[in-house]
Amino acid sequence: MIPRFVAAGHHVIAPDLIGFGRSDKPTETTDYTYERHVDWMTQWLVA
């Protein structure tokens, strides 16, 4: 989908979420909660 949005003239931001893709893999299962992901994304957007 990213190439289509870019081709249409849009900017695209695609973060690599914690625990997915090539990002770090936390060892604590509590790091994989919905609440924790929302917290990480909020911090990322504010930065």
PDB file of N, CA and C in Angstrom:
ATOM      1  N   MET A   1       0.811  -1.184   0.000  1.00  0.00           N
ATOM      2  CA  MET A   1       0.000   0.000   0.000  1.00  0.00           C
ATOM      3  C   MET A   1       0.862   1.259   0.000  1.00  0.00           C
ATOM      4  N   ILE A   2       2.021   1.179   0.605  1.00  0.00           N
ATOM      5  CA  ILE A   2       2.862   2.369   0.713  1.00  0.00           C
ATOM      6  C   ILE A   2       3.201   2.941  -0.660  1.00  0.00           C
ATOM      7  N   PRO A   3       3.657   2.120  -1.626  1.00  0.00           N
ATOM      8  CA  PRO A   3       3.973   2.681  -2.940  1.00  0.00           C
ATOM      9  C   PRO A   3       2.784   3.387  -3.599  1.00  0.00           C
ATOM     10  N   ARG A   4       1.590   2.888  -3.392  1.00  0.00           N
ATOM     11  CA  ARG A   4       0.407   3.529  -3.991  1.00  0.00           C
ATOM     12  C   ARG A   4       0.148   4.905  -3.385  1.00  0.00           C
ATOM     13  N   PHE A   5       0.287   5.009  -2.067  1.00  0.00           N
ATOM     14  CA  PHE A   5       0.099   6.310  -1.421  1.00  0.00           C
ATOM     15  C   PHE A   5       1.172   7.298  -1.869  1.00  0.00           C
ATOM     16  N   VAL A   6       2.410   6.837  -1.941  1.00  0.00           N
ATOM     17  CA  VAL A   6       3.508   7.702  -2.382  1.00  0.00           C
ATOM     18  C   VAL A   6       3.285   8.135  -3.824  1.00  0.00           C
ATOM     19  N   ALA A   7       2.874   7.206  -4.679  1.00  0.00           N
ATOM     20  CA  ALA A   7       2.614   7.531  -6.082  1.00  0.00           C
ATOM     21  C   ALA A   7       1.495   8.555  -6.221  1.00  0.00           C
ATOM     22  N   ALA A   8       0.578   8.559  -5.251  1.00  0.00           N
ATOM     23  CA  ALA A   8      -0.530   9.519  -5.274  1.00  0.00           C
ATOM     24  C   ALA A   8      -0.121  10.862  -4.670  1.00  0.00           C
ATOM     25  N   GLY A   9       1.159  10.976  -4.273  1.00  0.00           N
ATOM     26  CA  GLY A   9       1.646  12.251  -3.760  1.00  0.00           C
ATOM     27  C   GLY A   9       1.560  12.419  -2.250  1.00  0.00           C
ATOM     28  N   HIS A  10       1.276  11.350  -1.538  1.00  0.00           N
ATOM     29  CA  HIS A  10       1.163  11.416  -0.080  1.00  0.00           C
ATOM     30  C   HIS A  10       2.481  11.035   0.583  1.00  0.00           C
ATOM     31  N   HIS A  11       2.682  11.516   1.795  1.00  0.00           N
ATOM     32  CA  HIS A  11       3.812  11.091   2.618  1.00  0.00           C
ATOM     33  C   HIS A  11       3.345   9.918   3.464  1.00  0.00           C
ATOM     34  N   VAL A  12       4.230   8.959   3.675  1.00  0.00           N
ATOM     35  CA  VAL A  12       3.877   7.762   4.434  1.00  0.00           C
ATOM     36  C   VAL A  12       4.879   7.561   5.567  1.00  0.00           C
ATOM     37  N   ILE A  13       4.361   7.255   6.741  1.00  0.00           N
ATOM     38  CA  ILE A  13       5.196   6.911   7.889  1.00  0.00           C
ATOM     39  C   ILE A  13       4.810   5.497   8.292  1.00  0.00           C
ATOM     40  N   ALA A  14       5.787   4.596   8.336  1.00  0.00           N
ATOM     41  CA  ALA A  14       5.510   3.198   8.670  1.00  0.00           C
ATOM     42  C   ALA A  14       6.472   2.739   9.763  1.00  0.00           C
ATOM     43  N   PRO A  15       6.100   2.932  11.021  1.00  0.00           N
ATOM     44  CA  PRO A  15       6.999   2.523  12.100  1.00  0.00           C
ATOM     45  C   PRO A  15       7.102   1.003  12.208  1.00  0.00           C
ATOM     46  N   ASP A  16       8.263   0.533  12.628  1.00  0.00           N
ATOM     47  CA  ASP A  16       8.467  -0.889  12.899  1.00  0.00           C
ATOM     48  C   ASP A  16       8.104  -1.104  14.357  1.00  0.00           C
ATOM     49  N   LEU A  17       6.944  -1.683  14.599  1.00  0.00           N
ATOM     50  CA  LEU A  17       6.449  -1.846  15.961  1.00  0.00           C
ATOM     51  C   LEU A  17       7.323  -2.787  16.781  1.00  0.00           C
ATOM     52  N   ILE A  18       7.428  -2.505  18.071  1.00  0.00           N
ATOM     53  CA  ILE A  18       8.206  -3.329  18.983  1.00  0.00           C
ATOM     54  C   ILE A  18       7.705  -4.772  18.918  1.00  0.00           C
ATOM     55  N   GLY A  19       8.645  -5.696  18.736  1.00  0.00           N
ATOM     56  CA  GLY A  19       8.290  -7.114  18.686  1.00  0.00           C
ATOM     57  C   GLY A  19       7.910  -7.621  17.309  1.00  0.00           C
ATOM     58  N   PHE A  20       7.858  -6.737  16.321  1.00  0.00           N
ATOM     59  CA  PHE A  20       7.502  -7.117  14.956  1.00  0.00           C
ATOM     60  C   PHE A  20       8.657  -6.758  14.028  1.00  0.00           C
ATOM     61  N   GLY A  21       8.744  -7.423  12.896  1.00  0.00           N
ATOM     62  CA  GLY A  21       9.757  -7.081  11.907  1.00  0.00           C
ATOM     63  C   GLY A  21      11.164  -7.171  12.469  1.00  0.00           C
ATOM     64  N   ARG A  22      11.965  -6.131  12.213  1.00  0.00           N
ATOM     65  CA  ARG A  22      13.366  -6.138  12.634  1.00  0.00           C
ATOM     66  C   ARG A  22      13.601  -5.371  13.930  1.00  0.00           C
ATOM     67  N   SER A  23      12.537  -5.006  14.616  1.00  0.00           N
ATOM     68  CA  SER A  23      12.690  -4.256  15.864  1.00  0.00           C
ATOM     69  C   SER A  23      13.116  -5.184  16.998  1.00  0.00           C
ATOM     70  N   ASP A  24      13.457  -4.571  18.128  1.00  0.00           N
ATOM     71  CA  ASP A  24      13.814  -5.343  19.317  1.00  0.00           C
ATOM     72  C   ASP A  24      12.668  -6.258  19.721  1.00  0.00           C
ATOM     73  N   LYS A  25      13.009  -7.364  20.350  1.00  0.00           N
ATOM     74  CA  LYS A  25      12.013  -8.326  20.827  1.00  0.00           C
ATOM     75  C   LYS A  25      12.080  -8.366  22.354  1.00  0.00           C
ATOM     76  N   PRO A  26      11.198  -7.639  23.033  1.00  0.00           N
ATOM     77  CA  PRO A  26      11.204  -7.658  24.498  1.00  0.00           C
ATOM     78  C   PRO A  26      10.982  -9.074  25.033  1.00  0.00           C
ATOM     79  N   THR A  27      11.563  -9.353  26.186  1.00  0.00           N
ATOM     80  CA  THR A  27      11.422 -10.685  26.774  1.00  0.00           C
ATOM     81  C   THR A  27      10.236 -10.778  27.723  1.00  0.00           C
ATOM     82  N   GLU A  28       9.751  -9.650  28.208  1.00  0.00           N
ATOM     83  CA  GLU A  28       8.616  -9.644  29.132  1.00  0.00           C
ATOM     84  C   GLU A  28       7.304  -9.714  28.352  1.00  0.00           C
ATOM     85  N   THR A  29       6.426 -10.638  28.713  1.00  0.00           N
ATOM     86  CA  THR A  29       5.149 -10.754  28.009  1.00  0.00           C
ATOM     87  C   THR A  29       4.276  -9.521  28.218  1.00  0.00           C
ATOM     88  N   THR A  30       4.489  -8.794  29.311  1.00  0.00           N
ATOM     89  CA  THR A  30       3.699  -7.585  29.562  1.00  0.00           C
ATOM     90  C   THR A  30       4.013  -6.487  28.550  1.00  0.00           C
ATOM     91  N   ASP A  31       5.141  -6.604  27.846  1.00  0.00           N
ATOM     92  CA  ASP A  31       5.488  -5.611  26.825  1.00  0.00           C
ATOM     93  C   ASP A  31       4.655  -5.767  25.559  1.00  0.00           C
ATOM     94  N   TYR A  32       3.909  -6.856  25.447  1.00  0.00           N
ATOM     95  CA  TYR A  32       3.129  -7.120  24.241  1.00  0.00           C
ATOM     96  C   TYR A  32       1.644  -6.807  24.395  1.00  0.00           C
ATOM     97  N   THR A  33       1.289  -6.035  25.399  1.00  0.00           N
ATOM     98  CA  THR A  33      -0.114  -5.685  25.595  1.00  0.00           C
ATOM     99  C   THR A  33      -0.511  -4.547  24.661  1.00  0.00           C
ATOM    100  N   TYR A  34      -1.794  -4.456  24.396  1.00  0.00           N
ATOM    101  CA  TYR A  34      -2.312  -3.360  23.574  1.00  0.00           C
ATOM    102  C   TYR A  34      -1.964  -2.016  24.219  1.00  0.00           C
ATOM    103  N   GLU A  35      -2.140  -1.934  25.533  1.00  0.00           N
ATOM    104  CA  GLU A  35      -1.862  -0.685  26.256  1.00  0.00           C
ATOM    105  C   GLU A  35      -0.403  -0.264  26.087  1.00  0.00           C
ATOM    106  N   ARG A  36       0.512  -1.209  26.141  1.00  0.00           N
ATOM    107  CA  ARG A  36       1.944  -0.891  26.002  1.00  0.00           C
ATOM    108  C   ARG A  36       2.248  -0.402  24.591  1.00  0.00           C
ATOM    109  N   HIS A  37       1.663  -1.040  23.582  1.00  0.00           N
ATOM    110  CA  HIS A  37       1.884  -0.593  22.200  1.00  0.00           C
ATOM    111  C   HIS A  37       1.328   0.816  21.986  1.00  0.00           C
ATOM    112  N   VAL A  38       0.168   1.103  22.550  1.00  0.00           N
ATOM    113  CA  VAL A  38      -0.405   2.448  22.441  1.00  0.00           C
ATOM    114  C   VAL A  38       0.531   3.453  23.099  1.00  0.00           C
ATOM    115  N   ASP A  39       1.091   3.102  24.246  1.00  0.00           N
ATOM    116  CA  ASP A  39       2.027   3.986  24.940  1.00  0.00           C
ATOM    117  C   ASP A  39       3.257   4.254  24.081  1.00  0.00           C
ATOM    118  N   TRP A  40       3.855   3.201  23.493  1.00  0.00           N
ATOM    119  CA  TRP A  40       5.023   3.390  22.629  1.00  0.00           C
ATOM    120  C   TRP A  40       4.696   4.266  21.430  1.00  0.00           C
ATOM    121  N   MET A  41       3.553   4.022  20.793  1.00  0.00           N
ATOM    122  CA  MET A  41       3.182   4.809  19.621  1.00  0.00           C
ATOM    123  C   MET A  41       2.913   6.264  19.990  1.00  0.00           C
ATOM    124  N   THR A  42       2.307   6.488  21.147  1.00  0.00           N
ATOM    125  CA  THR A  42       2.056   7.857  21.602  1.00  0.00           C
ATOM    126  C   THR A  42       3.373   8.582  21.823  1.00  0.00           C
ATOM    127  N   GLN A  43       4.322   7.920  22.475  1.00  0.00           N
ATOM    128  CA  GLN A  43       5.633   8.532  22.701  1.00  0.00           C
ATOM    129  C   GLN A  43       6.320   8.838  21.375  1.00  0.00           C
ATOM    130  N   TRP A  44       6.207   7.936  20.422  1.00  0.00           N
ATOM    131  CA  TRP A  44       6.839   8.118  19.118  1.00  0.00           C
ATOM    132  C   TRP A  44       6.221   9.306  18.369  1.00  0.00           C
ATOM    133  N   LEU A  45       4.901   9.416  18.413  1.00  0.00           N
ATOM    134  CA  LEU A  45       4.227  10.515  17.720  1.00  0.00           C
ATOM    135  C   LEU A  45       4.540  11.871  18.343  1.00  0.00           C
ATOM    136  N   VAL A  46       4.699  11.905  19.661  1.00  0.00           N
ATOM    137  CA  VAL A  46       4.988  13.157  20.362  1.00  0.00           C
ATOM    138  C   VAL A  46       6.425  13.607  20.090  1.00  0.00           C
ATOM    139  N   ALA A  47       7.332  12.651  19.913  1.00  0.00           N
ATOM    140  CA  ALA A  47       8.763  12.966  19.728  1.00  0.00           C
ATOM    141  C   ALA A  47       9.063  13.686  18.466  1.00  0.00           C
TER     142      ALA A  47
END
